[in-house]
Structures are given as C-alpha cells and as structure tokens.
Amino acid sequence: MASTSGGGGGGGEPKSSDQVPGGGGGSSEVAVASTGSVAPPSRYESQKRRDWNTFLQYLKNHKPPLSLARCSGAHVIEFLKYLDQFGKTKVHLNGCTYFGHPNPPAPCACPLKQAWGSLDALIGRLRAAYEENGGRPESNPFGARAVRIYLREVREGQAKARGIPYEKKKRKRPPTSTTNNTTTAPTATVLPNATTSTVAVAAAQVVIDGDQGAGGGGDEVVTVAHSTAPTTSTTATS
C-alpha cells in the first residue's frame, strides 16, 4: 500500500515512511527517549505527526496561502487529490483493456494513485491530530460529510477499476446460549417399612422465571415432592 505522507504543497515525491517529510519529528524524539524517562512515541503517533506537518506545509504553500481556521472539507479533498501524484497503486481507466482485471498480464499507461485504504487511514490520523492541536470536533474539516462521500467514491471507483472489491469486515457476534426448558418427572419417595398403600406421594411442578434483567436464560423448573409418613394402627390387648 502506498504511503500517503507526501511532501507539502511544493512538490517532490515523498520519501519512505521511516523518514520525516517537511522536517517534522526526527532525532529530537530519539534523544528524549534515550534518557529513559519518556517512552518513545509509537509508530502511529510518529506517522500522525508527520502527516500533520505535511498538511500544515500544504496549507502554507497553497495559493493563496490558507489558514487552518479557514480550511474546509473541500480543501481536504484538494489535498487528497494532490497526494495522488505520489501514489503507487495502478487504477485502470474505463477505456483500458485491463479495466476490472485484478491481475493484468502486461503494463499499461493508466495513472498511479493513492490507494483508498491509504487515504482512509490518513484522514483518520489527521482527524485525530486536528482535535489534539486545539481544533473543535464540530468544525473538524477531516470529518466533513464531503470528505466521507469522496472517500466512498474513491473506494467504489478503485474496486471497479482494479477488479478487487472492498468488503467491509463484519464483527463476529458472541454466540448466544439458549437454555432449553426441561421438565422433571415427579418421583415418589418410599419410606422404610412402609407399604405402597400407606404411602401418599404428591408432586408439584414450580416454574420460576429467570432474571430477565441480567440476560438470564429460560425458565428454571423445580420439582417438589410431598410425602406423608405411613400410618399404623395399634390394637390394645387386654
């Protein structure tokens, strides 16, 4: 996937993601980390800082120069189109023989552009960097509706041109356990030294509702058996 951290506004193809375009970040971070008191920034944080510096440089070189406060979703789209010149993803045109071919057998003259996945990740980092640098969420140009529509059009267009559909990953839902209601047959308890005729057994089935508020399962079946002790008769002898 092509890197989206291109040089700001002035031109020149950006270097690899391990280098800092536009003079952002660099050895000062390593020097602070070497003291052992501050952990070095993650790869994501370093890339986000470079992307932010690249965008600020783009605004500075914009003709006429554009301030961050006046930046809108339309300017963000211009920035994304500007980055296409540094892309490395072949996007076939409608008239190309290999349009919609995922694995073209030969090269063609179609342009190279930034891949949709790179642009989508870039917007996510810039959206976070905007708010981290004092921007208000409600005025974040990187979260504008026009930007979302543009990214969706790029995704659909590249999917058709390259013959590679972008499938949204579905979240796996945890399996839901179902509790089957079971009925316990009534049982009779025979007391010692008792005959069948002297034992009376009554079985009652009680259904207790599960705790629905806690997401409990089905009903719990409890069987209660009642038994009476055998009665004996005594004959008095004179």
C-alpha atoms as a PDB file:
ATOM      1  CA  MET A   1       0.000   0.000   0.000  1.00  0.00           C
ATOM      2  CA  ALA A   2       1.365   3.368  -0.927  1.00  0.00           C
ATOM      3  CA  SER A   3       2.469   5.849   1.682  1.00  0.00           C
ATOM      4  CA  THR A   4       0.328   8.975   1.933  1.00  0.00           C
ATOM      5  CA  SER A   5       2.772  11.200   3.735  1.00  0.00           C
ATOM      6  CA  GLY A   6       3.768  13.219   0.699  1.00  0.00           C
ATOM      7  CA  GLY A   7       5.732  16.458   0.727  1.00  0.00           C
ATOM      8  CA  GLY A   8       3.671  19.543   1.429  1.00  0.00           C
ATOM      9  CA  GLY A   9       2.290  21.695  -1.359  1.00  0.00           C
ATOM     10  CA  GLY A  10       5.569  22.464  -3.118  1.00  0.00           C
ATOM     11  CA  GLY A  11       6.103  19.180  -4.984  1.00  0.00           C
ATOM     12  CA  GLY A  12       8.745  16.469  -4.966  1.00  0.00           C
ATOM     13  CA  GLU A  13       7.941  12.842  -4.282  1.00  0.00           C
ATOM     14  CA  PRO A  14       7.856  11.996  -0.555  1.00  0.00           C
ATOM     15  CA  LYS A  15      10.424   9.678   0.912  1.00  0.00           C
ATOM     16  CA  SER A  16       9.760   6.463   2.759  1.00  0.00           C
ATOM     17  CA  SER A  17       7.581   6.406   5.842  1.00  0.00           C
ATOM     18  CA  ASP A  18      10.642   5.925   8.052  1.00  0.00           C
ATOM     19  CA  GLN A  19      11.856   9.403   7.117  1.00  0.00           C
ATOM     20  CA  VAL A  20      10.212  12.654   8.092  1.00  0.00           C
ATOM     21  CA  PRO A  21       8.959  14.802   5.204  1.00  0.00           C
ATOM     22  CA  GLY A  22       8.732  18.517   5.843  1.00  0.00           C
ATOM     23  CA  GLY A  23      11.079  18.459   8.836  1.00  0.00           C
ATOM     24  CA  GLY A  24       8.633  17.016  11.383  1.00  0.00           C
ATOM     25  CA  GLY A  25       9.709  14.750  14.274  1.00  0.00           C
ATOM     26  CA  GLY A  26      13.064  13.032  13.971  1.00  0.00           C
ATOM     27  CA  SER A  27      16.165  12.854  16.168  1.00  0.00           C
ATOM     28  CA  SER A  28      14.756  15.029  18.953  1.00  0.00           C
ATOM     29  CA  GLU A  29      12.264  12.274  19.787  1.00  0.00           C
ATOM     30  CA  VAL A  30      15.040   9.693  19.966  1.00  0.00           C
ATOM     31  CA  ALA A  31      17.135  11.966  22.164  1.00  0.00           C
ATOM     32  CA  VAL A  32      14.304  12.343  24.646  1.00  0.00           C
ATOM     33  CA  ALA A  33      13.663   8.611  24.618  1.00  0.00           C
ATOM     34  CA  SER A  34      17.326   7.822  25.350  1.00  0.00           C
ATOM     35  CA  THR A  35      17.050   9.402  28.791  1.00  0.00           C
ATOM     36  CA  GLY A  36      14.771   6.571  29.853  1.00  0.00           C
ATOM     37  CA  SER A  37      12.236   8.920  31.460  1.00  0.00           C
ATOM     38  CA  VAL A  38       9.912   9.213  28.441  1.00  0.00           C
ATOM     39  CA  ALA A  39       8.896   6.298  26.244  1.00  0.00           C
ATOM     40  CA  PRO A  40       9.422   6.822  22.511  1.00  0.00           C
ATOM     41  CA  PRO A  41       6.284   7.594  20.507  1.00  0.00           C
ATOM     42  CA  SER A  42       4.583   4.731  18.784  1.00  0.00           C
ATOM     43  CA  ARG A  43       4.741   4.255  15.046  1.00  0.00           C
ATOM     44  CA  TYR A  44       1.188   5.532  14.764  1.00  0.00           C
ATOM     45  CA  GLU A  45       1.946   8.700  16.736  1.00  0.00           C
ATOM     46  CA  SER A  46       5.076   9.380  14.691  1.00  0.00           C
ATOM     47  CA  GLN A  47       3.199   8.925  11.422  1.00  0.00           C
ATOM     48  CA  LYS A  48       0.356  11.121  12.660  1.00  0.00           C
ATOM     49  CA  ARG A  49       2.799  13.917  13.490  1.00  0.00           C
ATOM     50  CA  ARG A  50       4.425  13.681  10.068  1.00  0.00           C
ATOM     51  CA  ASP A  51       1.051  13.735   8.337  1.00  0.00           C
ATOM     52  CA  TRP A  52       0.000  16.776  10.349  1.00  0.00           C
ATOM     53  CA  ASN A  53       3.188  18.660   9.494  1.00  0.00           C
ATOM     54  CA  THR A  54       2.752  17.737   5.838  1.00  0.00           C
ATOM     55  CA  PHE A  55      -0.775  19.128   5.794  1.00  0.00           C
ATOM     56  CA  LEU A  56       0.286  22.355   7.507  1.00  0.00           C
ATOM     57  CA  GLN A  57       3.046  22.753   4.924  1.00  0.00           C
ATOM     58  CA  TYR A  58       0.480  22.182   2.173  1.00  0.00           C
ATOM     59  CA  LEU A  59      -1.685  24.986   3.565  1.00  0.00           C
ATOM     60  CA  LYS A  60       1.349  27.259   3.746  1.00  0.00           C
ATOM     61  CA  ASN A  61       2.253  26.620   0.102  1.00  0.00           C
ATOM     62  CA  HIS A  62      -1.342  26.916  -1.033  1.00  0.00           C
ATOM     63  CA  LYS A  63      -2.034  29.734  -3.476  1.00  0.00           C
ATOM     64  CA  PRO A  64      -3.301  31.887  -1.970  1.00  0.00           C
ATOM     65  CA  PRO A  65      -1.989  30.732   1.448  1.00  0.00           C
ATOM     66  CA  LEU A  66      -4.705  29.124   3.515  1.00  0.00           C
ATOM     67  CA  SER A  67      -5.033  29.228   7.294  1.00  0.00           C
ATOM     68  CA  LEU A  68      -6.140  26.215   9.277  1.00  0.00           C
ATOM     69  CA  ALA A  69      -9.143  28.117  10.640  1.00  0.00           C
ATOM     70  CA  ARG A  70     -10.478  28.651   7.114  1.00  0.00           C
ATOM     71  CA  CYS A  71      -9.823  25.103   5.969  1.00  0.00           C
ATOM     72  CA  SER A  72     -12.935  23.196   4.890  1.00  0.00           C
ATOM     73  CA  GLY A  73     -13.798  19.755   3.632  1.00  0.00           C
ATOM     74  CA  ALA A  74     -13.270  20.952   0.056  1.00  0.00           C
ATOM     75  CA  HIS A  75      -9.671  21.885   0.876  1.00  0.00           C
ATOM     76  CA  VAL A  76      -9.130  18.455   2.425  1.00  0.00           C
ATOM     77  CA  ILE A  77     -10.335  16.835  -0.808  1.00  0.00           C
ATOM     78  CA  GLU A  78      -7.914  19.025  -2.771  1.00  0.00           C
ATOM     79  CA  PHE A  79      -5.136  17.786  -0.504  1.00  0.00           C
ATOM     80  CA  LEU A  80      -6.073  14.155  -1.130  1.00  0.00           C
ATOM     81  CA  LYS A  81      -6.100  14.707  -4.894  1.00  0.00           C
ATOM     82  CA  TYR A  82      -2.727  16.420  -4.618  1.00  0.00           C
ATOM     83  CA  LEU A  83      -1.305  13.303  -2.963  1.00  0.00           C
ATOM     84  CA  ASP A  84      -2.355  11.140  -5.920  1.00  0.00           C
ATOM     85  CA  GLN A  85       0.775  12.200  -7.798  1.00  0.00           C
ATOM     86  CA  PHE A  86       2.830  10.291  -5.214  1.00  0.00           C
ATOM     87  CA  GLY A  87       0.648   7.161  -5.326  1.00  0.00           C
ATOM     88  CA  LYS A  88       1.845   3.703  -6.313  1.00  0.00           C
ATOM     89  CA  THR A  89      -1.475   1.980  -6.982  1.00  0.00           C
ATOM     90  CA  LYS A  90      -2.440   1.352 -10.613  1.00  0.00           C
ATOM     91  CA  VAL A  91      -6.008   2.493 -11.257  1.00  0.00           C
ATOM     92  CA  HIS A  92      -7.214   1.495 -14.721  1.00  0.00           C
ATOM     93  CA  LEU A  93      -9.306   3.918 -16.772  1.00  0.00           C
ATOM     94  CA  ASN A  94     -12.628   2.996 -18.348  1.00  0.00           C
ATOM     95  CA  GLY A  95     -11.114   2.598 -21.813  1.00  0.00           C
ATOM     96  CA  CYS A  96      -8.232   0.420 -20.645  1.00  0.00           C
ATOM     97  CA  THR A  97      -8.132  -3.206 -21.769  1.00  0.00           C
ATOM     98  CA  TYR A  98      -7.372  -4.277 -18.215  1.00  0.00           C
ATOM     99  CA  PHE A  99     -10.210  -2.333 -16.595  1.00  0.00           C
ATOM    100  CA  GLY A 100     -11.631  -4.544 -13.857  1.00  0.00           C
ATOM    101  CA  HIS A 101      -8.784  -7.046 -14.224  1.00  0.00           C
ATOM    102  CA  PRO A 102      -7.270  -7.855 -10.802  1.00  0.00           C
ATOM    103  CA  ASN A 103      -4.042  -9.266 -12.292  1.00  0.00           C
ATOM    104  CA  PRO A 104      -3.229  -7.589 -15.632  1.00  0.00           C
ATOM    105  CA  PRO A 105      -0.717  -9.625 -17.661  1.00  0.00           C
ATOM    106  CA  ALA A 106       1.076  -6.581 -19.066  1.00  0.00           C
ATOM    107  CA  PRO A 107       1.714  -2.951 -18.075  1.00  0.00           C
ATOM    108  CA  CYS A 108      -0.494  -0.131 -19.283  1.00  0.00           C
ATOM    109  CA  ALA A 109      -0.442   3.661 -19.367  1.00  0.00           C
ATOM    110  CA  CYS A 110      -3.067   4.154 -16.667  1.00  0.00           C
ATOM    111  CA  PRO A 111      -2.104   6.531 -13.835  1.00  0.00           C
ATOM    112  CA  LEU A 112      -0.829   5.633 -10.403  1.00  0.00           C
ATOM    113  CA  LYS A 113      -2.858   6.946  -7.489  1.00  0.00           C
ATOM    114  CA  GLN A 114      -3.102   6.679  -3.762  1.00  0.00           C
ATOM    115  CA  ALA A 115      -4.941   3.562  -2.683  1.00  0.00           C
ATOM    116  CA  TRP A 116      -8.258   4.069  -0.962  1.00  0.00           C
ATOM    117  CA  GLY A 117      -7.035   2.330   2.190  1.00  0.00           C
ATOM    118  CA  SER A 118      -4.098   4.737   2.490  1.00  0.00           C
ATOM    119  CA  LEU A 119      -6.332   7.784   2.111  1.00  0.00           C
ATOM    120  CA  ASP A 120      -8.844   6.459   4.607  1.00  0.00           C
ATOM    121  CA  ALA A 121      -6.133   5.820   7.209  1.00  0.00           C
ATOM    122  CA  LEU A 122      -4.603   9.238   6.530  1.00  0.00           C
ATOM    123  CA  ILE A 123      -7.904  11.018   7.153  1.00  0.00           C
ATOM    124  CA  GLY A 124      -8.299   9.131  10.420  1.00  0.00           C
ATOM    125  CA  ARG A 125      -4.891  10.297  11.646  1.00  0.00           C
ATOM    126  CA  LEU A 126      -5.423  13.897  10.530  1.00  0.00           C
ATOM    127  CA  ARG A 127      -8.856  13.992  12.118  1.00  0.00           C
ATOM    128  CA  ALA A 128      -7.346  12.972  15.448  1.00  0.00           C
ATOM    129  CA  ALA A 129      -4.397  15.364  15.074  1.00  0.00           C
ATOM    130  CA  TYR A 130      -6.730  18.291  14.363  1.00  0.00           C
ATOM    131  CA  GLU A 131      -8.517  17.882  17.687  1.00  0.00           C
ATOM    132  CA  GLU A 132      -5.284  17.162  19.566  1.00  0.00           C
ATOM    133  CA  ASN A 133      -3.967  20.522  18.361  1.00  0.00           C
ATOM    134  CA  GLY A 134      -6.887  22.527  19.707  1.00  0.00           C
ATOM    135  CA  GLY A 135      -9.471  22.074  16.974  1.00  0.00           C
ATOM    136  CA  ARG A 136     -13.130  21.630  17.861  1.00  0.00           C
ATOM    137  CA  PRO A 137     -14.799  18.363  16.848  1.00  0.00           C
ATOM    138  CA  GLU A 138     -17.820  20.130  15.345  1.00  0.00           C
ATOM    139  CA  SER A 139     -15.590  22.167  12.997  1.00  0.00           C
ATOM    140  CA  ASN A 140     -13.186  19.350  12.082  1.00  0.00           C
ATOM    141  CA  PRO A 141     -12.767  19.554   8.277  1.00  0.00           C
ATOM    142  CA  PHE A 142     -11.445  15.980   8.129  1.00  0.00           C
ATOM    143  CA  GLY A 143     -14.765  14.695   9.428  1.00  0.00           C
ATOM    144  CA  ALA A 144     -16.845  16.663   6.934  1.00  0.00           C
ATOM    145  CA  ARG A 145     -19.567  14.862   5.023  1.00  0.00           C
ATOM    146  CA  ALA A 146     -17.992  15.849   1.700  1.00  0.00           C
ATOM    147  CA  VAL A 147     -14.785  14.046   2.684  1.00  0.00           C
ATOM    148  CA  ARG A 148     -16.677  10.874   3.587  1.00  0.00           C
ATOM    149  CA  ILE A 149     -18.514  10.956   0.257  1.00  0.00           C
ATOM    150  CA  TYR A 150     -15.247  11.450  -1.624  1.00  0.00           C
ATOM    151  CA  LEU A 151     -13.606   8.503   0.129  1.00  0.00           C
ATOM    152  CA  ARG A 152     -16.600   6.313  -0.643  1.00  0.00           C
ATOM    153  CA  GLU A 153     -16.436   7.280  -4.324  1.00  0.00           C
ATOM    154  CA  VAL A 154     -12.705   6.526  -4.412  1.00  0.00           C
ATOM    155  CA  ARG A 155     -13.296   3.130  -2.819  1.00  0.00           C
ATOM    156  CA  GLU A 156     -16.057   2.182  -5.263  1.00  0.00           C
ATOM    157  CA  GLY A 157     -14.164   3.531  -8.279  1.00  0.00           C
ATOM    158  CA  GLN A 158     -10.957   1.688  -7.445  1.00  0.00           C
ATOM    159  CA  ALA A 159     -12.870  -1.506  -6.722  1.00  0.00           C
ATOM    160  CA  LYS A 160     -14.354  -1.462 -10.230  1.00  0.00           C
ATOM    161  CA  ALA A 161     -11.153  -0.362 -11.950  1.00  0.00           C
ATOM    162  CA  ARG A 162      -8.937  -2.922 -10.231  1.00  0.00           C
ATOM    163  CA  GLY A 163     -11.484  -5.719 -10.007  1.00  0.00           C
ATOM    164  CA  ILE A 164     -10.862  -6.006  -6.287  1.00  0.00           C
ATOM    165  CA  PRO A 165     -13.987  -5.401  -4.197  1.00  0.00           C
ATOM    166  CA  TYR A 166     -13.574  -3.849  -0.781  1.00  0.00           C
ATOM    167  CA  GLU A 167     -15.605  -5.910   1.632  1.00  0.00           C
ATOM    168  CA  LYS A 168     -16.461  -4.424   4.971  1.00  0.00           C
ATOM    169  CA  LYS A 169     -15.323  -6.638   7.799  1.00  0.00           C
ATOM    170  CA  LYS A 170     -18.219  -7.966   9.787  1.00  0.00           C
ATOM    171  CA  ARG A 171     -17.891  -8.080  13.528  1.00  0.00           C
ATOM    172  CA  LYS A 172     -18.275 -11.540  14.926  1.00  0.00           C
ATOM    173  CA  ARG A 173     -21.079 -11.671  17.414  1.00  0.00           C
ATOM    174  CA  PRO A 174     -20.533 -13.798  20.508  1.00  0.00           C
ATOM    175  CA  PRO A 175     -22.610 -16.984  20.417  1.00  0.00           C
ATOM    176  CA  THR A 176     -25.820 -16.696  22.372  1.00  0.00           C
ATOM    177  CA  SER A 177     -26.538 -19.574  24.687  1.00  0.00           C
ATOM    178  CA  THR A 178     -30.126 -20.787  24.850  1.00  0.00           C
ATOM    179  CA  THR A 179     -31.458 -22.674  27.830  1.00  0.00           C
ATOM    180  CA  ASN A 180     -33.987 -25.339  26.976  1.00  0.00           C
ATOM    181  CA  ASN A 181     -36.832 -25.824  29.378  1.00  0.00           C
ATOM    182  CA  THR A 182     -36.633 -29.289  30.859  1.00  0.00           C
ATOM    183  CA  THR A 183     -39.418 -30.993  32.728  1.00  0.00           C
ATOM    184  CA  THR A 184     -38.535 -33.334  35.543  1.00  0.00           C
ATOM    185  CA  ALA A 185     -40.942 -36.157  36.028  1.00  0.00           C
ATOM    186  CA  PRO A 186     -42.347 -36.392  39.523  1.00  0.00           C
ATOM    187  CA  THR A 187     -40.722 -39.068  41.637  1.00  0.00           C
ATOM    188  CA  ALA A 188     -42.063 -40.934  44.586  1.00  0.00           C
ATOM    189  CA  THR A 189     -40.063 -41.455  47.751  1.00  0.00           C
ATOM    190  CA  VAL A 190     -40.830 -44.658  49.587  1.00  0.00           C
ATOM    191  CA  LEU A 191     -40.162 -44.539  53.281  1.00  0.00           C
ATOM    192  CA  PRO A 192     -38.656 -47.533  55.076  1.00  0.00           C
ATOM    193  CA  ASN A 193     -41.031 -50.152  56.458  1.00  0.00           C
ATOM    194  CA  ALA A 194     -43.920 -48.687  54.546  1.00  0.00           C
ATOM    195  CA  THR A 195     -46.208 -50.353  52.108  1.00  0.00           C
ATOM    196  CA  THR A 196     -47.425 -48.868  48.887  1.00  0.00           C
ATOM    197  CA  SER A 197     -50.911 -48.488  50.227  1.00  0.00           C
ATOM    198  CA  THR A 198     -49.733 -46.411  53.154  1.00  0.00           C
ATOM    199  CA  VAL A 199     -47.572 -44.024  51.184  1.00  0.00           C
ATOM    200  CA  ALA A 200     -49.169 -40.959  49.561  1.00  0.00           C
ATOM    201  CA  VAL A 201     -46.975 -39.004  47.183  1.00  0.00           C
ATOM    202  CA  ALA A 202     -47.891 -35.652  45.647  1.00  0.00           C
ATOM    203  CA  ALA A 203     -45.618 -33.939  43.092  1.00  0.00           C
ATOM    204  CA  ALA A 204     -45.891 -30.258  42.273  1.00  0.00           C
ATOM    205  CA  GLN A 205     -44.049 -28.561  39.460  1.00  0.00           C
ATOM    206  CA  VAL A 206     -42.999 -24.961  40.085  1.00  0.00           C
ATOM    207  CA  VAL A 207     -41.798 -22.720  37.282  1.00  0.00           C
ATOM    208  CA  ILE A 208     -39.513 -19.892  38.358  1.00  0.00           C
ATOM    209  CA  ASP A 209     -38.930 -17.089  35.870  1.00  0.00           C
ATOM    210  CA  GLY A 210     -35.269 -16.386  35.100  1.00  0.00           C
ATOM    211  CA  ASP A 211     -33.722 -12.981  35.787  1.00  0.00           C
ATOM    212  CA  GLN A 212     -34.576 -11.209  32.511  1.00  0.00           C
ATOM    213  CA  GLY A 213     -32.836  -8.015  33.563  1.00  0.00           C
ATOM    214  CA  ALA A 214     -29.481  -9.757  33.788  1.00  0.00           C
ATOM    215  CA  GLY A 215     -29.884 -11.518  30.486  1.00  0.00           C
ATOM    216  CA  GLY A 216     -30.697 -14.861  32.078  1.00  0.00           C
ATOM    217  CA  GLY A 217     -31.742 -17.856  30.100  1.00  0.00           C
ATOM    218  CA  GLY A 218     -35.056 -19.657  30.125  1.00  0.00           C
ATOM    219  CA  ASP A 219     -37.235 -20.780  32.943  1.00  0.00           C
ATOM    220  CA  GLU A 220     -35.954 -22.947  35.747  1.00  0.00           C
ATOM    221  CA  VAL A 221     -38.036 -25.982  36.532  1.00  0.00           C
ATOM    222  CA  VAL A 222     -38.103 -27.224  40.098  1.00  0.00           C
ATOM    223  CA  THR A 223     -39.907 -30.374  41.128  1.00  0.00           C
ATOM    224  CA  VAL A 224     -41.089 -30.628  44.710  1.00  0.00           C
ATOM    225  CA  ALA A 225     -42.298 -33.947  46.052  1.00  0.00           C
ATOM    226  CA  HIS A 226     -44.505 -34.253  49.119  1.00  0.00           C
ATOM    227  CA  SER A 227     -44.771 -37.495  51.032  1.00  0.00           C
ATOM    228  CA  THR A 228     -46.732 -38.477  54.082  1.00  0.00           C
ATOM    229  CA  ALA A 229     -45.439 -40.839  56.689  1.00  0.00           C
ATOM    230  CA  PRO A 230     -47.158 -44.215  56.921  1.00  0.00           C
ATOM    231  CA  THR A 231     -49.922 -44.541  59.488  1.00  0.00           C
ATOM    232  CA  THR A 232     -50.016 -47.611  61.707  1.00  0.00           C
ATOM    233  CA  SER A 233     -52.880 -48.845  63.827  1.00  0.00           C
ATOM    234  CA  THR A 234     -52.307 -50.439  67.252  1.00  0.00           C
ATOM    235  CA  THR A 235     -54.670 -52.949  68.836  1.00  0.00           C
ATOM    236  CA  ALA A 236     -54.922 -52.834  72.586  1.00  0.00           C
ATOM    237  CA  THR A 237     -54.722 -56.163  74.326  1.00  0.00           C
ATOM    238  CA  SER A 238     -56.482 -56.830  77.491  1.00  0.00           C
END
